[in-house]
Protein backbone atom coordinates (compact mmCIF):
# COMPACT_ATOMS: atom_id res chain seq x y z
CA UNK A 1 -9.60 41.19 20.64
CA UNK A 2 -11.28 40.54 17.32
CA UNK A 3 -13.00 37.25 16.58
CA UNK A 4 -13.23 36.15 13.01
CA UNK A 5 -16.21 34.02 12.02
CA UNK A 6 -16.06 32.03 8.80
CA UNK A 7 -19.53 31.49 7.37
CA UNK A 8 -20.25 28.18 5.68
CA UNK A 9 -21.94 29.06 2.40
CA UNK A 10 -23.76 25.75 2.27
CA UNK A 11 -25.09 26.16 5.81
CA UNK A 12 -26.23 29.72 5.06
CA UNK A 13 -28.44 28.64 2.19
CA UNK A 14 -32.06 27.60 2.66
CA UNK A 15 -32.28 23.87 3.31
CA UNK A 16 -33.48 21.91 0.29
CA UNK A 17 -36.50 19.71 1.01
CA UNK A 18 -37.86 16.58 -0.60
CA UNK A 19 -40.63 18.76 -2.07
CA UNK A 20 -38.00 20.85 -3.86
CA UNK A 21 -36.48 17.73 -5.37
CA UNK A 22 -39.92 16.45 -6.43
CA UNK A 23 -40.86 19.74 -8.06
CA UNK A 24 -37.55 20.02 -9.92
CA UNK A 25 -37.66 16.39 -11.09
CA UNK A 26 -41.30 16.64 -12.15
CA UNK A 27 -42.60 13.87 -9.86
CA UNK A 28 -44.44 13.65 -6.56
CA UNK A 29 -42.80 13.41 -3.14
CA UNK A 30 -43.71 9.76 -2.73
CA UNK A 31 -41.82 8.87 -5.92
CA UNK A 32 -38.77 10.80 -4.68
CA UNK A 33 -38.92 9.00 -1.35
CA UNK A 34 -39.16 5.55 -2.99
CA UNK A 35 -36.38 6.36 -5.45
CA UNK A 36 -33.99 7.57 -2.77
CA UNK A 37 -34.73 4.55 -0.57
CA UNK A 38 -34.09 2.21 -3.47
CA UNK A 39 -37.64 0.82 -3.26
CA UNK A 40 -39.41 -0.94 -6.10
CA UNK A 41 -41.97 0.79 -8.29
CA UNK A 42 -39.72 3.48 -9.75
CA UNK A 43 -38.39 3.15 -13.28
CA UNK A 44 -34.66 3.24 -13.87
CA UNK A 45 -34.70 6.46 -15.88
CA UNK A 46 -36.91 8.20 -13.33
CA UNK A 47 -34.77 6.98 -10.46
CA UNK A 48 -31.60 8.25 -12.10
CA UNK A 49 -33.21 11.63 -12.80
CA UNK A 50 -34.28 11.96 -9.17
CA UNK A 51 -30.84 11.04 -7.83
CA UNK A 52 -29.16 13.50 -10.17
CA UNK A 53 -31.60 16.22 -9.16
CA UNK A 54 -31.02 15.56 -5.47
CA UNK A 55 -27.28 15.80 -5.99
CA UNK A 56 -27.56 18.98 -8.06
CA UNK A 57 -29.76 20.68 -5.46
CA UNK A 58 -27.44 19.51 -2.67
CA UNK A 59 -30.31 17.75 -0.95
CA UNK A 60 -29.01 16.82 2.52
CA UNK A 61 -29.64 13.11 2.07
CA UNK A 62 -28.39 12.94 -1.49
CA UNK A 63 -25.16 11.02 -0.79
CA UNK A 64 -27.00 8.36 1.17
CA UNK A 65 -29.78 8.43 -1.37
CA UNK A 66 -27.36 7.90 -4.23
CA UNK A 67 -25.89 4.89 -2.45
CA UNK A 68 -29.33 3.38 -1.90
CA UNK A 69 -30.54 4.09 -5.37
CA UNK A 70 -27.47 3.00 -7.30
CA UNK A 71 -25.87 0.45 -4.98
CA UNK A 72 -22.71 2.58 -4.78
CA UNK A 73 -21.93 3.15 -1.09
CA UNK A 74 -19.04 5.57 -1.80
CA UNK A 75 -17.21 3.85 1.05
CA UNK A 76 -13.85 2.13 0.57
CA UNK A 77 -12.32 -0.04 3.25
CA UNK A 78 -8.52 0.24 3.42
CA UNK A 79 -7.29 -3.00 4.95
CA UNK A 80 -4.00 -2.96 6.88
CA UNK A 81 -2.48 -6.27 8.00
CA UNK A 82 -1.04 -4.46 11.02
CA UNK A 83 -0.55 -0.95 12.35
CA UNK A 84 2.97 -1.90 13.41
CA UNK A 85 4.47 -1.17 10.01
CA UNK A 86 5.24 2.34 8.77
CA UNK A 87 4.91 1.02 5.21
CA UNK A 88 1.25 0.08 5.55
CA UNK A 89 0.49 3.42 7.20
CA UNK A 90 2.17 5.32 4.35
CA UNK A 91 0.30 3.33 1.71
CA UNK A 92 -2.99 3.85 3.56
CA UNK A 93 -2.29 7.58 3.89
CA UNK A 94 -1.71 7.98 0.15
CA UNK A 95 -4.78 5.92 -0.72
CA UNK A 96 -6.94 7.84 1.73
CA UNK A 97 -5.90 11.17 0.24
CA UNK A 98 -6.77 10.07 -3.29
CA UNK A 99 -10.09 8.51 -2.30
CA UNK A 100 -11.15 11.51 -0.24
CA UNK A 101 -10.38 13.87 -3.11
CA UNK A 102 -12.61 11.71 -5.31
CA UNK A 103 -15.50 12.00 -2.86
CA UNK A 104 -15.23 8.61 -1.16
CA UNK A 105 -15.59 7.90 2.51
CA UNK A 106 -12.61 5.95 3.86
CA UNK A 107 -12.76 3.27 6.53
CA UNK A 108 -9.50 1.90 7.98
CA UNK A 109 -9.61 -1.80 8.87
CA UNK A 110 -6.75 -3.17 11.00
CA UNK A 111 -6.50 -6.96 10.82
CA UNK A 112 -3.94 -7.14 13.61
CA UNK A 113 -1.86 -9.75 11.78
CA UNK A 114 1.77 -10.17 12.78
CA UNK A 115 2.59 -10.42 9.10
CA UNK A 116 3.52 -8.32 6.10
CA UNK A 117 1.59 -10.24 3.45
CA UNK A 118 -1.73 -11.73 2.47
CA UNK A 119 -1.63 -15.01 0.54
CA UNK A 120 -4.21 -14.57 -2.23
CA UNK A 121 -4.47 -18.32 -2.80
CA UNK A 122 -5.19 -19.23 0.80
CA UNK A 123 -8.57 -20.12 2.26
CA UNK A 124 -7.99 -17.35 4.79
CA UNK A 125 -7.75 -14.76 2.02
CA UNK A 126 -10.99 -15.88 0.36
CA UNK A 127 -12.79 -15.89 3.71
CA UNK A 128 -11.41 -12.43 4.40
CA UNK A 129 -12.91 -11.11 1.17
CA UNK A 130 -16.30 -12.51 2.08
CA UNK A 131 -16.15 -11.23 5.66
CA UNK A 132 -15.00 -7.69 4.90
CA UNK A 133 -16.83 -7.18 1.64
CA UNK A 134 -20.14 -8.94 1.98
CA UNK A 135 -23.04 -6.80 3.13
CA UNK A 136 -20.98 -4.33 5.13
CA UNK A 137 -21.87 -1.19 3.18
CA UNK A 138 -18.46 -0.98 1.53
CA UNK A 139 -18.21 -0.38 -2.18
CA UNK A 140 -14.64 -1.61 -2.39
CA UNK A 141 -11.67 -2.92 -0.45
CA UNK A 142 -8.08 -1.81 -0.89
CA UNK A 143 -5.44 -3.99 0.72
CA UNK A 144 -2.43 -1.99 1.91
CA UNK A 145 0.03 -4.83 1.91
CA UNK A 146 2.28 -6.98 -0.19
CA UNK A 147 0.91 -10.14 -1.72
CA UNK A 148 2.87 -13.36 -1.68
CA UNK A 149 1.93 -14.61 -5.15
CA UNK A 150 0.24 -13.43 -8.30
CA UNK A 151 -3.42 -14.28 -8.46
CA UNK A 152 -4.33 -16.98 -10.95
CA UNK A 153 -7.04 -16.45 -13.53
CA UNK A 154 -9.39 -19.03 -12.00
CA UNK A 155 -9.60 -16.89 -8.85
CA UNK A 156 -10.32 -13.68 -10.74
CA UNK A 157 -13.95 -13.44 -9.64
CA UNK A 158 -13.77 -14.43 -5.97
CA UNK A 159 -14.22 -10.95 -4.49
CA UNK A 160 -17.70 -9.66 -3.77
CA UNK A 161 -16.50 -6.10 -4.14
CA UNK A 162 -13.85 -4.41 -6.29
CA UNK A 163 -10.40 -4.58 -4.70
CA UNK A 164 -6.95 -3.18 -5.34
CA UNK A 165 -3.81 -4.65 -3.86
CA UNK A 166 -0.48 -2.86 -3.78
CA UNK A 167 3.10 -4.06 -3.59
CA UNK A 168 3.02 -6.95 -6.08
CA UNK A 169 1.49 -7.42 -9.52
CA UNK A 170 -1.91 -9.13 -9.58
CA UNK A 171 -4.22 -10.12 -12.40
CA UNK A 172 -7.74 -9.96 -11.06
CA UNK A 173 -7.65 -6.46 -9.57
CA UNK A 174 -5.63 -3.28 -10.09
CA UNK A 175 -2.16 -3.42 -8.60
CA UNK A 176 1.04 -1.44 -8.34
CA UNK A 177 4.22 -3.35 -9.18
CA UNK A 178 7.40 -2.61 -7.25
CA UNK A 179 10.55 -4.24 -8.67
CA UNK A 180 12.26 -5.51 -5.52
CA UNK A 181 14.86 -7.36 -7.57
CA UNK A 182 15.90 -4.15 -9.31
CA UNK A 183 16.20 -2.46 -5.91
CA UNK A 184 18.76 -5.09 -4.87
CA UNK A 185 20.62 -4.54 -8.12
CA UNK A 186 20.79 -0.79 -7.55
CA UNK A 187 22.37 -1.25 -4.12
CA UNK A 188 24.89 -3.79 -5.42
CA UNK A 189 25.96 -1.56 -8.30
CA UNK A 190 26.40 1.37 -5.96
CA UNK A 191 28.53 -0.55 -3.46
CA UNK A 192 30.59 -2.23 -6.18
CA UNK A 193 31.21 1.17 -7.71
CA UNK A 194 32.58 2.33 -4.36
CA UNK A 195 35.07 -0.54 -4.37
CA UNK A 196 33.37 -2.87 -1.90
CA UNK A 197 34.13 -6.55 -2.41
CA UNK A 198 33.13 -8.31 0.83
CA UNK A 199 29.47 -7.55 1.49
CA UNK A 200 26.76 -8.91 3.79
CA UNK A 201 22.96 -8.99 3.68
CA UNK A 202 20.57 -8.59 6.64
CA UNK A 203 17.49 -10.53 5.51
CA UNK A 204 14.14 -9.17 6.73
CA UNK A 205 11.86 -12.19 6.36
CA UNK A 206 9.70 -13.06 9.34
CA UNK A 207 10.53 -16.36 11.02
CA UNK A 208 7.87 -19.00 10.41
CA UNK A 209 6.19 -17.20 7.52
CA UNK A 210 5.86 -18.97 4.20
CA UNK A 211 5.86 -15.82 2.06
CA UNK A 212 9.44 -14.96 1.17
CA UNK A 213 9.08 -13.63 -2.36
CA UNK A 214 9.89 -10.00 -1.59
CA UNK A 215 12.94 -10.87 0.49
CA UNK A 216 14.23 -13.42 -2.03
CA UNK A 217 13.88 -10.89 -4.82
CA UNK A 218 15.86 -8.25 -2.93
CA UNK A 219 18.64 -10.72 -2.12
CA UNK A 220 18.67 -12.28 -5.59
CA UNK A 221 18.91 -8.92 -7.32
CA UNK A 222 21.79 -7.93 -5.04
CA UNK A 223 23.62 -11.26 -5.20
CA UNK A 224 23.21 -11.77 -8.96
CA UNK A 225 24.72 -8.34 -9.62
CA UNK A 226 27.65 -9.10 -7.34
CA UNK A 227 28.20 -12.39 -9.17
CA UNK A 228 28.12 -10.62 -12.52
CA UNK A 229 31.10 -8.65 -11.24
CA UNK A 230 33.01 -11.90 -10.63
CA UNK A 231 32.40 -11.90 -6.86
CA UNK A 232 29.85 -13.48 -4.53
CA UNK A 233 28.06 -13.03 -1.23
CA UNK A 234 28.91 -16.07 0.85
CA UNK A 235 26.08 -17.83 2.69
CA UNK A 236 27.62 -17.01 6.08
CA UNK A 237 27.27 -13.32 5.26
CA UNK A 238 23.50 -13.57 4.71
CA UNK A 239 22.10 -13.01 8.20
CA UNK A 240 18.47 -13.90 8.93
CA UNK A 241 17.34 -11.32 11.47
CA UNK A 242 13.97 -12.95 12.22
CA UNK A 243 11.95 -9.86 11.25
CA UNK A 244 12.49 -6.47 9.64
CA UNK A 245 12.31 -4.16 12.67
CA UNK A 246 15.06 -2.08 14.31
CA UNK A 247 15.57 -4.48 17.20
CA UNK A 248 16.10 -7.30 14.71
CA UNK A 249 18.69 -5.25 12.85
CA UNK A 250 20.58 -4.51 16.05
CA UNK A 251 20.60 -8.18 17.00
CA UNK A 252 21.67 -9.30 13.52
CA UNK A 253 24.49 -6.78 13.34
CA UNK A 254 25.69 -7.81 16.80
CA UNK A 255 25.79 -11.41 15.57
CA UNK A 256 27.75 -10.38 12.50
CA UNK A 257 30.25 -8.40 14.57
CA UNK A 258 30.71 -11.34 16.96
CA UNK A 259 31.78 -13.62 14.12
CA UNK A 260 35.45 -14.58 13.95
CA UNK A 261 35.39 -14.16 10.17
CA UNK A 262 36.65 -10.91 8.63
CA UNK A 263 34.04 -8.19 8.76
CA UNK A 264 32.38 -7.09 5.54
CA UNK A 265 33.08 -3.59 4.29
CA UNK A 266 29.41 -3.04 3.43
CA UNK A 267 26.00 -4.34 4.53
CA UNK A 268 22.74 -4.36 2.57
CA UNK A 269 19.69 -4.33 4.87
CA UNK A 270 16.36 -5.50 3.50
CA UNK A 271 14.53 -2.66 5.26
CA UNK A 272 15.31 0.75 6.68
CA UNK A 273 14.29 -0.22 10.23
CA UNK A 274 16.79 -3.10 10.03
CA UNK A 275 19.41 -0.54 9.04
CA UNK A 276 18.48 1.75 11.94
CA UNK A 277 19.11 -1.10 14.38
CA UNK A 278 22.31 -2.09 12.60
CA UNK A 279 23.64 1.48 12.74
CA UNK A 280 22.85 1.64 16.44
CA UNK A 281 24.77 -1.60 17.06
CA UNK A 282 27.77 -0.26 15.15
CA UNK A 283 27.76 2.96 17.12
CA UNK A 284 27.57 1.15 20.45
CA UNK A 285 30.70 -0.81 19.53
CA UNK A 286 32.62 2.22 18.31
CA UNK A 287 32.56 1.12 14.67
CA UNK A 288 32.25 4.07 12.35
CA UNK A 289 29.84 4.23 9.44
CA UNK A 290 30.72 4.63 6.64
CA UNK A 291 34.46 4.81 7.36
CA UNK A 292 34.62 1.26 8.75
CA UNK A 293 31.42 -0.27 7.33
CA UNK A 294 28.99 1.15 4.76
CA UNK A 295 25.27 0.49 5.24
CA UNK A 296 22.55 0.65 2.59
CA UNK A 297 18.90 -0.38 2.78
CA UNK A 298 15.54 -0.63 1.01
CA UNK A 299 12.42 1.44 1.86
CA UNK A 300 13.00 5.18 2.17
CA UNK A 301 11.36 5.29 5.58
CA UNK A 302 10.38 8.87 6.60
CA UNK A 303 13.21 8.81 9.18
CA UNK A 304 15.90 7.60 6.77
CA UNK A 305 16.91 11.12 5.75
CA UNK A 306 17.58 12.00 9.38
CA UNK A 307 19.84 8.96 9.75
CA UNK A 308 21.60 9.93 6.52
CA UNK A 309 20.77 6.46 5.24
CA UNK A 310 21.49 5.40 1.67
CA UNK A 311 18.37 3.52 0.60
CA UNK A 312 16.12 2.43 -2.24
CA UNK A 313 12.82 4.28 -2.32
CA UNK A 314 9.73 2.26 -3.17
CA UNK A 315 7.44 5.33 -3.05
CA UNK A 316 5.14 3.91 -0.36
CA UNK A 317 2.87 6.97 -0.20
CA UNK A 318 2.61 7.14 -3.97
CA UNK A 319 1.84 3.41 -4.07
CA UNK A 320 -1.29 4.19 -2.08
CA UNK A 321 -2.22 7.11 -4.31
CA UNK A 322 -1.76 5.11 -7.50
CA UNK A 323 -3.59 2.05 -6.16
CA UNK A 324 -6.56 4.19 -5.09
CA UNK A 325 -6.70 5.93 -8.46
CA UNK A 326 -6.60 2.54 -10.16
CA UNK A 327 -9.36 1.29 -7.88
CA UNK A 328 -11.53 4.31 -8.65
CA UNK A 329 -11.04 3.73 -12.37
CA UNK A 330 -11.98 0.07 -11.99
CA UNK A 331 -15.12 0.90 -10.01
CA UNK A 332 -16.17 3.24 -12.80
CA UNK A 333 -15.62 0.45 -15.32
CA UNK A 334 -17.52 -2.00 -13.13
CA UNK A 335 -20.75 -0.01 -13.32
CA UNK A 336 -21.19 -1.19 -16.90
CA UNK A 337 -19.81 -4.71 -16.51
CA UNK A 338 -21.44 -7.89 -15.27
CA UNK A 339 -18.76 -9.36 -13.02
CA UNK A 340 -15.27 -8.98 -11.67
CA UNK A 341 -13.99 -11.67 -14.00
CA UNK A 342 -14.84 -9.55 -17.04
CA UNK A 343 -12.79 -6.53 -15.96
CA UNK A 344 -9.65 -5.42 -17.67
CA UNK A 345 -8.03 -3.56 -14.74
CA UNK A 346 -5.47 -0.85 -15.40
CA UNK A 347 -1.85 -1.72 -14.68
CA UNK A 348 0.67 0.51 -13.00
CA UNK A 349 4.27 0.57 -11.95
CA UNK A 350 6.60 2.82 -10.01
CA UNK A 351 10.32 2.84 -10.65
CA UNK A 352 12.51 2.15 -7.64
CA UNK A 353 15.34 4.64 -7.15
CA UNK A 354 18.52 4.66 -5.09
CA UNK A 355 18.90 7.65 -2.78
CA UNK A 356 22.57 8.06 -1.87
CA UNK A 357 23.22 9.63 1.53
CA UNK A 358 25.97 9.55 4.14
CA UNK A 359 26.03 5.89 5.25
CA UNK A 360 27.92 4.67 2.17
CA UNK A 361 31.42 5.64 1.06
CA UNK A 362 34.37 4.34 -0.91
CA UNK A 363 36.07 1.29 0.53
């Protein structure tokens, strides 16, 4: 048996000491120590030279020292409303990859909310900013969740740290815009093109929640396109499942199948998990998809390809990547700006796309 040992080049080098940094920077050890602790008595130019020297020499405390000396902690908190949703996990994964590549430390913060949104205009949201951002050693917060409304200009400076929010457009911080209305249109055009005329919608909004923008946009885009074709989606064919999980989809589809009205030839589900549950309910009742009923959805969940599900992709992983890159750019801008309200954050968008698979067919 042969054992291979991989030597770490950094570990094999002689450890750099504070004396080495002092000698290279042309100052004494006490000045280096004060500069790296962020203490008073060291001029700005000298402090910057010492920090740069420590980084260049790979001084073991240089990352911490840089944070103390410059106020940049190099730590970003990724805030997830809940771990229950695959979407938030995908966004957080993409953001984490981008931040790590850029040399940031990532901290995942699970709020444990039974919700898929954060209302930027609520007292709760403002308190959350203060609680998570104030004095916790985080240089920034990135919220991996959809936002119910666009932020208004008067709230542009409420955060104590830079923040990026994904899922909806915002004004005060970088954001990634996903056109949910266009996603509904894409599904409607596809089903109409297949000859479907009687279609239903499984609505994914959570019962008791006030934020319905995303769900309304998906339905409106779908329904408006159907109306443009001279048809309509009757109110009795819009089923409110109570949430957007698989069990809700199964229950909603069972309710639809139990109706005495003629069955639709196609169903648009607001989320892929809703569609998974709906497909399961169809299978249990011996109804074939897509021969008897076509099913399309919105998400592009990692499991959707294995279900053969026709769906709209919102690029969840890439949302996280793009939001993190936007956040990094904004933090770089912020170093030379006085306040959040003076920023001009970069905008971004990702184009939704319809992925046609086996759950839709001609009527």
